Amino acid sequence: MGSLDGKVAVVTGAAQGIGRAIADGLAAEGARIVIADLRGAEEAALTYDGGVAITADVSSEADVERLVEDTVAECGGIDILVNNAGLYASLEMRPFDQIPLDEWRQVMDVNVASMFLMCRAVVPELRKRGGGRIVNISSGTPFRGVPFLLHYVTSKGAIVAFTRALAKELGKDNVLVNCVAPGFTMSAGVEAHPEVIEKLRDVSVAARTIQRDQVPEDVVGAVVYFCAPGSEFVTGQTIVIDGGQTFH
């Protein structure tokens, strides 16, 4: 028996990387997994018993509405939402005044507006179940003030504020909203960009109390905790998971 037996968990951006590791962790606790991603969802969902794949752009209002409708039709409802989808490794590190406005807006759409859209669509379904859990994936960067990625760092700081404000709104509905902020993680998306690894890997490891690479599996325990019965009196909180690079 797992702590999440019978629960339906939607994980965005879960075809690979941190999202995939989170889906694995929730599935191991008995949750039925819904993989929502732009690509690779079908293949990823096949690895889960009763897994559901939905190809969607979570920054699109129409796609999000369809995603939730299809999930409810297939699974009967939703208990858990993990907002993991985001842009990072493909972004070029550069001074803030060289960031094109279109790129700034794209980062805000994918990293922040997607969470707003997902929560707006999913919360009515959580209310029908008498409550539920939302876990938003932020980053350690807002706590350290990392330079040359101003749009990314700003978007991830917004997620912390988003989590706190939404938690206040939804407490009365027994919907708990928390946040996990990973450090620089050797995920599939990062590994596909050697230039990012070259710039950030060694300096990140050197700054940690626990001096090793961070891997997607390092994030899983905190997400499972926020989704499981043991955190039923915890909401509006952010846990930074970066090997002790940041104390928050």
Protein backbone atom coordinates (compact mmCIF):
# COMPACT_ATOMS: atom_id res chain seq x y z
CA MET A 1 0.00 0.00 0.00
CA GLY A 2 1.34 3.39 -1.00
CA SER A 3 0.56 6.70 0.66
CA LEU A 4 -1.07 7.91 -2.59
CA ASP A 5 -3.11 4.86 -3.54
CA GLY A 6 -6.17 5.89 -5.57
CA LYS A 7 -4.93 9.43 -6.17
CA VAL A 8 -4.72 10.94 -9.66
CA ALA A 9 -1.62 13.09 -10.21
CA VAL A 10 -1.09 15.41 -13.18
CA VAL A 11 2.58 16.24 -13.74
CA THR A 12 3.45 18.82 -16.39
CA GLY A 13 6.68 18.63 -18.36
CA ALA A 14 7.07 15.03 -17.19
CA ALA A 15 8.31 13.26 -20.31
CA GLN A 16 11.90 13.59 -19.07
CA GLY A 17 14.17 15.14 -16.45
CA ILE A 18 12.90 16.34 -13.08
CA GLY A 19 9.27 15.93 -14.13
CA ARG A 20 9.83 12.30 -15.07
CA ALA A 21 11.58 11.58 -11.76
CA ILE A 22 8.67 13.19 -9.89
CA ALA A 23 6.17 11.08 -11.82
CA ASP A 24 8.19 7.96 -10.94
CA GLY A 25 8.17 8.91 -7.26
CA LEU A 26 4.43 9.56 -7.15
CA ALA A 27 3.73 6.33 -9.05
CA ALA A 28 5.85 4.39 -6.55
CA GLU A 29 3.49 5.66 -3.83
CA GLY A 30 0.47 4.38 -5.75
CA ALA A 31 -0.71 7.47 -7.64
CA ARG A 32 -2.13 7.18 -11.13
CA ILE A 33 0.06 9.35 -13.34
CA VAL A 34 -1.01 11.77 -16.06
CA ILE A 35 1.95 12.94 -18.15
CA ALA A 36 1.37 16.34 -19.76
CA ASP A 37 4.11 17.48 -22.13
CA LEU A 38 4.72 19.00 -25.54
CA ARG A 39 6.49 15.87 -26.76
CA GLY A 40 7.29 12.41 -25.48
CA ALA A 41 4.21 12.03 -23.28
CA GLU A 42 2.98 8.83 -24.92
CA GLU A 43 6.25 6.98 -24.49
CA ALA A 44 6.66 8.14 -20.88
CA ALA A 45 3.12 7.20 -19.86
CA LEU A 46 3.58 3.62 -21.06
CA THR A 47 5.91 2.98 -18.13
CA TYR A 48 3.14 3.50 -15.57
CA ASP A 49 0.26 1.22 -14.65
CA GLY A 50 -2.79 3.08 -15.93
CA GLY A 51 -0.62 5.96 -17.07
CA VAL A 52 -2.26 8.64 -19.20
CA ALA A 53 -0.46 10.74 -21.82
CA ILE A 54 -1.70 14.15 -22.91
CA THR A 55 0.23 16.22 -25.43
CA ALA A 56 -0.30 19.86 -24.51
CA ASP A 57 1.29 23.29 -24.38
CA VAL A 58 0.57 24.35 -20.81
CA SER A 59 1.03 28.02 -21.71
CA SER A 60 -2.01 27.69 -24.01
CA GLU A 61 -5.39 28.30 -22.39
CA ALA A 62 -7.16 26.00 -24.86
CA ASP A 63 -4.63 23.20 -24.39
CA VAL A 64 -4.90 23.41 -20.61
CA GLU A 65 -8.68 23.25 -20.69
CA ARG A 66 -8.52 20.20 -22.96
CA LEU A 67 -5.87 18.60 -20.75
CA VAL A 68 -8.08 18.82 -17.68
CA GLU A 69 -11.20 17.69 -19.52
CA ASP A 70 -9.38 14.67 -20.95
CA THR A 71 -7.89 13.78 -17.56
CA VAL A 72 -11.26 13.88 -15.83
CA ALA A 73 -12.85 11.85 -18.63
CA GLU A 74 -10.10 9.22 -18.41
CA CYS A 75 -9.44 9.14 -14.65
CA GLY A 76 -12.64 10.44 -13.05
CA GLY A 77 -11.01 13.39 -11.32
CA ILE A 78 -7.77 14.97 -10.14
CA ASP A 79 -6.16 14.97 -6.68
CA ILE A 80 -2.64 16.26 -7.29
CA LEU A 81 -1.12 18.82 -9.64
CA VAL A 82 2.63 19.19 -10.03
CA ASN A 83 3.48 22.30 -12.07
CA ASN A 84 6.92 21.35 -13.38
CA ALA A 85 6.98 22.48 -17.02
CA GLY A 86 9.35 25.36 -17.72
CA LEU A 87 12.06 26.90 -19.89
CA TYR A 88 15.64 26.90 -18.69
CA ALA A 89 18.50 25.09 -20.43
CA SER A 90 17.68 26.46 -23.89
CA LEU A 91 18.01 30.07 -22.66
CA GLU A 92 21.19 31.96 -23.47
CA MET A 93 23.00 33.51 -20.50
CA ARG A 94 23.51 37.22 -21.25
CA PRO A 95 23.26 40.68 -19.68
CA PHE A 96 19.70 41.72 -18.94
CA ASP A 97 19.71 44.56 -21.49
CA GLN A 98 20.42 42.06 -24.27
CA ILE A 99 17.34 39.92 -23.56
CA PRO A 100 14.76 40.37 -26.36
CA LEU A 101 11.29 41.32 -25.13
CA ASP A 102 9.75 38.39 -27.02
CA GLU A 103 12.01 35.98 -25.16
CA TRP A 104 11.16 37.63 -21.82
CA ARG A 105 7.46 37.19 -22.54
CA GLN A 106 7.93 33.57 -23.64
CA VAL A 107 9.70 32.74 -20.37
CA MET A 108 6.92 34.36 -18.35
CA ASP A 109 4.26 32.52 -20.35
CA VAL A 110 5.85 29.09 -20.00
CA ASN A 111 7.21 29.41 -16.46
CA VAL A 112 4.51 31.47 -14.75
CA ALA A 113 1.34 31.87 -16.80
CA SER A 114 1.23 28.09 -17.34
CA MET A 115 0.94 27.58 -13.58
CA PHE A 116 -1.87 30.12 -13.36
CA LEU A 117 -3.72 28.41 -16.21
CA MET A 118 -3.19 24.93 -14.78
CA CYS A 119 -4.31 25.91 -11.29
CA ARG A 120 -7.34 27.78 -12.60
CA ALA A 121 -8.42 24.72 -14.56
CA VAL A 122 -7.55 22.07 -11.96
CA VAL A 123 -8.74 23.66 -8.70
CA PRO A 124 -12.46 23.13 -9.44
CA GLU A 125 -11.71 19.41 -9.80
CA LEU A 126 -9.75 19.38 -6.52
CA ARG A 127 -12.69 21.05 -4.79
CA LYS A 128 -14.98 18.30 -6.06
CA ARG A 129 -12.71 15.78 -4.32
CA GLY A 130 -12.88 17.72 -1.05
CA GLY A 131 -9.34 19.03 -1.41
CA GLY A 132 -6.01 18.24 -3.01
CA ARG A 133 -2.38 19.17 -3.43
CA ILE A 134 -0.56 21.54 -5.76
CA VAL A 135 3.24 21.52 -5.92
CA ASN A 136 4.99 24.20 -7.97
CA ILE A 137 8.57 23.73 -9.14
CA SER A 138 10.62 26.90 -8.78
CA SER A 139 14.43 27.20 -8.55
CA GLY A 140 17.15 28.09 -6.10
CA THR A 141 18.21 31.00 -8.34
CA PRO A 142 15.89 33.69 -6.85
CA PHE A 143 17.39 33.07 -3.41
CA ARG A 144 20.92 33.56 -4.72
CA GLY A 145 20.35 36.37 -7.25
CA VAL A 146 21.99 34.53 -10.15
CA PRO A 147 23.05 36.98 -12.89
CA PHE A 148 22.67 36.84 -16.69
CA LEU A 149 19.33 34.99 -16.66
CA LEU A 150 17.12 37.81 -15.43
CA HIS A 151 13.93 36.59 -17.10
CA TYR A 152 14.38 33.04 -15.78
CA VAL A 153 15.28 34.11 -12.24
CA THR A 154 12.40 36.60 -12.16
CA SER A 155 9.95 33.95 -13.33
CA LYS A 156 11.10 31.51 -10.67
CA GLY A 157 10.83 34.16 -7.96
CA ALA A 158 7.29 34.81 -9.13
CA ILE A 159 6.46 31.15 -8.56
CA VAL A 160 7.37 31.45 -4.87
CA ALA A 161 5.07 34.48 -4.50
CA PHE A 162 2.37 32.73 -6.54
CA THR A 163 2.55 29.73 -4.20
CA ARG A 164 2.14 31.82 -1.06
CA ALA A 165 -0.78 33.89 -2.33
CA LEU A 166 -2.64 30.93 -3.81
CA ALA A 167 -2.17 28.91 -0.62
CA LYS A 168 -3.98 31.68 1.30
CA GLU A 169 -6.87 31.60 -1.16
CA LEU A 170 -7.30 27.84 -1.20
CA GLY A 171 -6.78 26.90 2.45
CA LYS A 172 -10.51 26.96 3.09
CA ASP A 173 -10.96 24.40 0.31
CA ASN A 174 -8.38 22.01 1.82
CA VAL A 175 -6.20 22.55 -1.24
CA LEU A 176 -2.60 22.79 -0.09
CA VAL A 177 -0.15 24.70 -2.28
CA ASN A 178 3.60 24.31 -1.80
CA CYS A 179 6.80 24.83 -3.75
CA VAL A 180 10.07 22.98 -4.37
CA ALA A 181 13.10 24.96 -5.55
CA PRO A 182 15.90 22.78 -7.00
CA GLY A 183 19.47 23.85 -7.57
CA PHE A 184 21.38 23.30 -10.81
CA THR A 185 20.31 19.79 -11.78
CA MET A 186 21.94 17.40 -14.24
CA SER A 187 18.69 16.64 -16.03
CA ALA A 188 18.22 15.47 -19.61
CA GLY A 189 17.40 19.02 -20.69
CA VAL A 190 20.60 20.38 -19.16
CA GLU A 191 22.73 17.53 -20.53
CA ALA A 192 21.51 18.43 -24.02
CA HIS A 193 23.25 21.81 -23.66
CA PRO A 194 26.98 21.27 -22.94
CA GLU A 195 27.59 25.02 -22.90
CA VAL A 196 25.28 25.33 -19.86
CA ILE A 197 27.12 22.54 -18.06
CA GLU A 198 30.46 24.17 -18.80
CA LYS A 199 29.35 27.48 -17.30
CA LEU A 200 27.43 26.29 -14.26
CA ARG A 201 28.29 22.75 -13.19
CA ASP A 202 31.61 23.20 -11.38
CA VAL A 203 30.72 26.51 -9.75
CA SER A 204 27.41 25.06 -8.50
CA VAL A 205 29.02 21.96 -6.99
CA ALA A 206 31.77 24.01 -5.35
CA ALA A 207 29.21 26.27 -3.64
CA ARG A 208 27.28 23.39 -2.07
CA THR A 209 27.59 22.01 1.43
CA ILE A 210 27.10 18.56 -0.12
CA GLN A 211 29.55 18.78 -3.00
CA ARG A 212 28.25 16.55 -5.77
CA ASP A 213 26.10 16.82 -8.86
CA GLN A 214 22.40 17.27 -8.24
CA VAL A 215 20.23 14.75 -10.10
CA PRO A 216 16.47 14.76 -10.75
CA GLU A 217 15.88 12.08 -8.11
CA ASP A 218 17.11 14.49 -5.42
CA VAL A 219 13.93 16.53 -5.86
CA VAL A 220 11.46 13.67 -5.58
CA GLY A 221 11.27 13.17 -1.81
CA ALA A 222 10.13 16.72 -1.11
CA VAL A 223 7.45 16.59 -3.81
CA VAL A 224 6.12 13.27 -2.53
CA TYR A 225 6.07 14.69 1.01
CA PHE A 226 3.98 17.67 -0.12
CA CYS A 227 1.53 15.30 -1.83
CA ALA A 228 1.26 12.74 0.96
CA PRO A 229 -0.76 12.65 4.22
CA GLY A 230 2.23 13.65 6.36
CA SER A 231 2.10 17.25 5.11
CA GLU A 232 -1.60 17.88 5.69
CA PHE A 233 -0.86 20.91 7.92
CA VAL A 234 1.73 22.45 5.57
CA THR A 235 0.88 25.04 2.93
CA GLY A 236 2.45 28.09 1.29
CA GLN A 237 5.96 26.76 1.91
CA THR A 238 9.06 26.52 -0.29
CA ILE A 239 11.80 23.93 0.20
CA VAL A 240 15.11 24.68 -1.51
CA ILE A 241 16.88 21.49 -2.58
CA ASP A 242 20.40 22.33 -3.70
CA GLY A 243 22.77 20.42 -1.43
CA GLY A 244 23.06 23.31 0.98
CA GLN A 245 24.09 25.98 -1.48
CA THR A 246 21.28 28.16 -0.14
CA PHE A 247 19.86 28.13 3.38
CA HIS A 248 16.23 29.20 3.23
